[in-house]
C-alpha atoms as a PDB file:
ATOM      1  CA  MET A   1       8.725  -0.155  12.486  1.00  0.00           C
ATOM      2  CA  ARG A   2       6.075  -1.472  11.282  1.00  0.00           C
ATOM      3  CA  ALA A   3       3.960   0.245   8.526  1.00  0.00           C
ATOM      4  CA  LEU A   4       0.470  -0.061   6.224  1.00  0.00           C
ATOM      5  CA  LEU A   5       1.035   0.847   2.694  1.00  0.00           C
ATOM      6  CA  ASP A   6      -1.977   2.199   1.248  1.00  0.00           C
ATOM      7  CA  THR A   7      -2.973   1.532  -2.390  1.00  0.00           C
ATOM      8  CA  ASN A   8      -1.598   4.766  -4.276  1.00  0.00           C
ATOM      9  CA  LEU A   9       2.144   3.946  -2.999  1.00  0.00           C
ATOM     10  CA  ILE A  10       1.300   0.559  -5.029  1.00  0.00           C
ATOM     11  CA  LEU A  11      -0.457   2.022  -8.198  1.00  0.00           C
ATOM     12  CA  ASP A  12       2.541   4.838  -8.151  1.00  0.00           C
ATOM     13  CA  LEU A  13       4.920   1.571  -8.670  1.00  0.00           C
ATOM     14  CA  PHE A  14       2.945  -0.755 -10.831  1.00  0.00           C
ATOM     15  CA  LEU A  15       1.751   2.904 -13.112  1.00  0.00           C
ATOM     16  CA  GLY A  16       5.061   4.347 -13.053  1.00  0.00           C
ATOM     17  CA  ARG A  17       3.901   7.327 -11.433  1.00  0.00           C
ATOM     18  CA  GLU A  18       5.419  10.246  -9.670  1.00  0.00           C
ATOM     19  CA  GLY A  19       6.530   8.874  -6.394  1.00  0.00           C
ATOM     20  CA  ALA A  20       7.383   5.174  -7.727  1.00  0.00           C
ATOM     21  CA  GLU A  21      10.605   5.614  -6.250  1.00  0.00           C
ATOM     22  CA  PHE A  22       9.417   6.243  -2.515  1.00  0.00           C
ATOM     23  CA  THR A  23       7.772   2.952  -2.833  1.00  0.00           C
ATOM     24  CA  GLY A  24      10.651   1.411  -4.101  1.00  0.00           C
ATOM     25  CA  VAL A  25      12.864   2.652  -0.876  1.00  0.00           C
ATOM     26  CA  ILE A  26       9.866   1.051   1.015  1.00  0.00           C
ATOM     27  CA  LEU A  27      10.118  -2.453  -0.350  1.00  0.00           C
ATOM     28  CA  ASP A  28      14.003  -2.344  -0.197  1.00  0.00           C
ATOM     29  CA  SER A  29      13.771  -1.302   3.283  1.00  0.00           C
ATOM     30  CA  VAL A  30      11.242  -4.769   4.194  1.00  0.00           C
ATOM     31  CA  ASP A  31      13.748  -6.543   1.929  1.00  0.00           C
ATOM     32  CA  ASP A  32      16.734  -5.546   4.256  1.00  0.00           C
ATOM     33  CA  GLY A  33      14.626  -6.415   7.246  1.00  0.00           C
ATOM     34  CA  LYS A  34      14.675  -2.302   8.905  1.00  0.00           C
ATOM     35  CA  ILE A  35      10.909  -2.717   8.441  1.00  0.00           C
ATOM     36  CA  SER A  36       7.705  -4.699   8.808  1.00  0.00           C
ATOM     37  CA  GLY A  37       5.369  -4.249   5.497  1.00  0.00           C
ATOM     38  CA  PHE A  38       1.772  -4.325   5.340  1.00  0.00           C
ATOM     39  CA  ILE A  39      -0.866  -4.143   2.286  1.00  0.00           C
ATOM     40  CA  SER A  40      -4.380  -4.751   2.695  1.00  0.00           C
ATOM     41  CA  TRP A  41      -6.230  -7.516   0.926  1.00  0.00           C
ATOM     42  CA  HIS A  42      -8.709  -4.963  -0.708  1.00  0.00           C
ATOM     43  CA  SER A  43      -5.862  -3.208  -2.164  1.00  0.00           C
ATOM     44  CA  ILE A  44      -4.805  -5.291  -3.652  1.00  0.00           C
ATOM     45  CA  THR A  45      -7.296  -6.023  -5.920  1.00  0.00           C
ATOM     46  CA  ASP A  46      -8.182  -2.493  -6.150  1.00  0.00           C
ATOM     47  CA  ALA A  47      -4.056  -2.685  -7.548  1.00  0.00           C
ATOM     48  CA  TYR A  48      -4.571  -5.271  -9.794  1.00  0.00           C
ATOM     49  CA  HIS A  49      -7.789  -3.700 -11.641  1.00  0.00           C
ATOM     50  CA  VAL A  50      -6.135  -0.927 -12.466  1.00  0.00           C
ATOM     51  CA  PHE A  51      -3.026  -1.299 -13.543  1.00  0.00           C
ATOM     52  CA  LYS A  52      -4.741  -4.673 -15.590  1.00  0.00           C
ATOM     53  CA  LYS A  53      -6.940  -1.599 -17.245  1.00  0.00           C
ATOM     54  CA  ASP A  54      -4.787   1.376 -17.096  1.00  0.00           C
ATOM     55  CA  GLU A  55      -3.417   2.458 -20.967  1.00  0.00           C
ATOM     56  CA  GLY A  56      -1.214   4.754 -19.907  1.00  0.00           C
ATOM     57  CA  VAL A  57       1.351   2.216 -17.647  1.00  0.00           C
ATOM     58  CA  LYS A  58       5.058   4.342 -17.854  1.00  0.00           C
ATOM     59  CA  GLN A  59       7.217   0.884 -18.367  1.00  0.00           C
ATOM     60  CA  ASP A  60       7.400  -1.497 -21.240  1.00  0.00           C
ATOM     61  CA  VAL A  61       5.042  -4.171 -21.495  1.00  0.00           C
ATOM     62  CA  PRO A  62       5.607  -6.354 -24.933  1.00  0.00           C
ATOM     63  CA  VAL A  63       2.756  -6.731 -27.211  1.00  0.00           C
ATOM     64  CA  ALA A  64       2.181 -10.471 -26.492  1.00  0.00           C
ATOM     65  CA  GLN A  65       2.609 -10.273 -22.748  1.00  0.00           C
ATOM     66  CA  ASP A  66      -0.631 -10.622 -21.031  1.00  0.00           C
ATOM     67  CA  ARG A  67      -1.838  -7.433 -19.335  1.00  0.00           C
ATOM     68  CA  ASN A  68      -3.592  -9.895 -16.734  1.00  0.00           C
ATOM     69  CA  ASP A  69      -0.326 -12.313 -16.438  1.00  0.00           C
ATOM     70  CA  LEU A  70       1.645  -9.210 -15.732  1.00  0.00           C
ATOM     71  CA  ALA A  71      -1.007  -7.888 -12.911  1.00  0.00           C
ATOM     72  CA  ARG A  72      -0.215 -11.486 -11.014  1.00  0.00           C
ATOM     73  CA  ASP A  73       3.181 -11.431 -11.869  1.00  0.00           C
ATOM     74  CA  LYS A  74       3.884  -7.514  -9.949  1.00  0.00           C
ATOM     75  CA  LEU A  75       1.062  -9.120  -7.477  1.00  0.00           C
ATOM     76  CA  ALA A  76       2.944 -11.957  -6.516  1.00  0.00           C
ATOM     77  CA  ASP A  77       6.613 -10.030  -6.571  1.00  0.00           C
ATOM     78  CA  LEU A  78       4.877  -7.340  -3.669  1.00  0.00           C
ATOM     79  CA  LEU A  79       3.754 -10.630  -1.450  1.00  0.00           C
ATOM     80  CA  SER A  80       6.667 -11.827  -1.425  1.00  0.00           C
ATOM     81  CA  ARG A  81       8.029  -8.706   0.336  1.00  0.00           C
ATOM     82  CA  LEU A  82       4.212  -7.319   2.104  1.00  0.00           C
ATOM     83  CA  SER A  83       2.481  -9.316   4.215  1.00  0.00           C
ATOM     84  CA  ILE A  84      -1.589  -8.900   4.086  1.00  0.00           C
ATOM     85  CA  PRO A  85      -3.136  -8.586   8.017  1.00  0.00           C
ATOM     86  CA  ALA A  86      -5.736 -11.107   8.839  1.00  0.00           C
ATOM     87  CA  THR A  87      -8.718  -9.054   8.800  1.00  0.00           C
ATOM     88  CA  GLY A  88     -12.171 -10.531   9.679  1.00  0.00           C
ATOM     89  CA  ASP A  89     -15.694  -9.941  10.682  1.00  0.00           C
ATOM     90  CA  LYS A  90     -15.119  -7.312  13.409  1.00  0.00           C
ATOM     91  CA  ASP A  91     -12.055  -5.743  11.565  1.00  0.00           C
ATOM     92  CA  PHE A  92     -15.120  -4.913   9.056  1.00  0.00           C
ATOM     93  CA  GLU A  93     -17.327  -3.347  11.776  1.00  0.00           C
ATOM     94  CA  THR A  94     -14.673  -1.552  13.039  1.00  0.00           C
ATOM     95  CA  ALA A  95     -13.980   0.109   9.808  1.00  0.00           C
ATOM     96  CA  LEU A  96     -18.109   1.400   9.413  1.00  0.00           C
ATOM     97  CA  SER A  97     -17.584   3.513  13.077  1.00  0.00           C
ATOM     98  CA  PHE A  98     -14.520   5.541  11.644  1.00  0.00           C
ATOM     99  CA  ASP A  99     -15.526   8.762  10.104  1.00  0.00           C
ATOM    100  CA  CYS A 100     -14.199   8.930   7.327  1.00  0.00           C
ATOM    101  CA  LYS A 101     -15.878   9.879   3.755  1.00  0.00           C
ATOM    102  CA  ASP A 102     -14.083   7.283   1.855  1.00  0.00           C
ATOM    103  CA  PHE A 103     -14.921   4.060   2.976  1.00  0.00           C
ATOM    104  CA  GLU A 104     -11.822   2.242   1.571  1.00  0.00           C
ATOM    105  CA  ASP A 105     -10.390   4.467   3.705  1.00  0.00           C
ATOM    106  CA  SER A 106     -11.779   3.292   6.332  1.00  0.00           C
ATOM    107  CA  LEU A 107     -10.933  -0.565   5.515  1.00  0.00           C
ATOM    108  CA  ILE A 108      -6.878   0.683   5.439  1.00  0.00           C
ATOM    109  CA  ILE A 109      -7.581   1.668   9.068  1.00  0.00           C
ATOM    110  CA  ALA A 110      -8.745  -1.013  10.061  1.00  0.00           C
ATOM    111  CA  ALA A 111      -6.323  -3.074   8.376  1.00  0.00           C
ATOM    112  CA  ALA A 112      -3.366  -0.983   9.915  1.00  0.00           C
ATOM    113  CA  ALA A 113      -5.037  -1.180  13.214  1.00  0.00           C
ATOM    114  CA  CYS A 114      -5.182  -5.231  12.796  1.00  0.00           C
ATOM    115  CA  CYS A 115      -1.775  -5.575  12.209  1.00  0.00           C
ATOM    116  CA  ASP A 116      -0.391  -2.458  14.671  1.00  0.00           C
ATOM    117  CA  ALA A 117       1.124  -0.371  11.986  1.00  0.00           C
ATOM    118  CA  GLN A 118       2.377   2.072  13.443  1.00  0.00           C
ATOM    119  CA  TYR A 119       1.735   4.334  10.243  1.00  0.00           C
ATOM    120  CA  ILE A 120      -0.286   4.561   7.426  1.00  0.00           C
ATOM    121  CA  VAL A 121       2.117   5.065   4.598  1.00  0.00           C
ATOM    122  CA  THR A 122       0.206   7.945   2.169  1.00  0.00           C
ATOM    123  CA  ARG A 123       0.169  10.429  -0.337  1.00  0.00           C
ATOM    124  CA  ASP A 124      -3.308  11.634   1.377  1.00  0.00           C
ATOM    125  CA  GLU A 125      -2.769  12.181   4.492  1.00  0.00           C
ATOM    126  CA  LYS A 126      -5.756  14.421   4.647  1.00  0.00           C
ATOM    127  CA  HIS A 127      -8.005  11.208   4.450  1.00  0.00           C
ATOM    128  CA  PHE A 128      -6.401  10.130   7.348  1.00  0.00           C
ATOM    129  CA  LYS A 129      -6.991  12.466   9.732  1.00  0.00           C
ATOM    130  CA  ASN A 130      -8.987  10.892  12.353  1.00  0.00           C
ATOM    131  CA  SER A 131      -7.188   7.611  12.078  1.00  0.00           C
ATOM    132  CA  PRO A 132      -5.966   6.027  15.842  1.00  0.00           C
ATOM    133  CA  ILE A 133      -2.985   5.449  13.252  1.00  0.00           C
ATOM    134  CA  PRO A 134      -1.310   8.290  11.707  1.00  0.00           C
ATOM    135  CA  PRO A 135      -0.809   8.950   8.217  1.00  0.00           C
ATOM    136  CA  ILE A 136       2.851  10.009   7.067  1.00  0.00           C
ATOM    137  CA  LEU A 137       4.013  11.114   3.667  1.00  0.00           C
ATOM    138  CA  PRO A 138       6.049   8.048   2.051  1.00  0.00           C
ATOM    139  CA  ARG A 139       9.269  10.361   1.749  1.00  0.00           C
ATOM    140  CA  ASP A 140       8.698  11.143   5.121  1.00  0.00           C
ATOM    141  CA  PHE A 141       8.239   8.008   6.327  1.00  0.00           C
ATOM    142  CA  CYS A 142      12.257   7.145   4.051  1.00  0.00           C
ATOM    143  CA  GLN A 143      13.729   9.833   6.229  1.00  0.00           C
ATOM    144  CA  GLN A 144      12.404   8.278   9.466  1.00  0.00           C
ATOM    145  CA  VAL A 145      13.267   4.836   7.983  1.00  0.00           C
ATOM    146  CA  ALA A 146      17.094   6.081   6.507  1.00  0.00           C
ATOM    147  CA  ALA A 147      17.772   8.148  10.284  1.00  0.00           C
ATOM    148  CA  LEU A 148      16.990   4.813  12.091  1.00  0.00           C
ATOM    149  CA  TYR A 149      19.783   2.956  10.216  1.00  0.00           C
END
């Protein structure tokens, strides 16, 4: 099974938000070879900037540790587990054609199409209602993966 994770799942994990446990289960499923996981290029930059600036991170960050270094460490770990679809000009043009209120969601759809994802795992299903790749809630995706193994 191939799935692209929406930015919100990465932010849940990085910021210790509710729902982070599902992202953890999905990453464990990638590590175990049960699924192939992907993340879009722009989700990485978004997650980096939000994490670096967020003051409400629900995890202990040593005072001496620079937020930039911590953000980079988190991204390095993430990229050791997830792949980035190789997108280009044509994918960007395709994204422009999707009927999404938020262009960022169009980019997610284009990235998911580029890697032949079967699902876009997201907490915001309504943002992807017109997507050719079906959105799925993290809990439901975890249940589907568990049912396969």
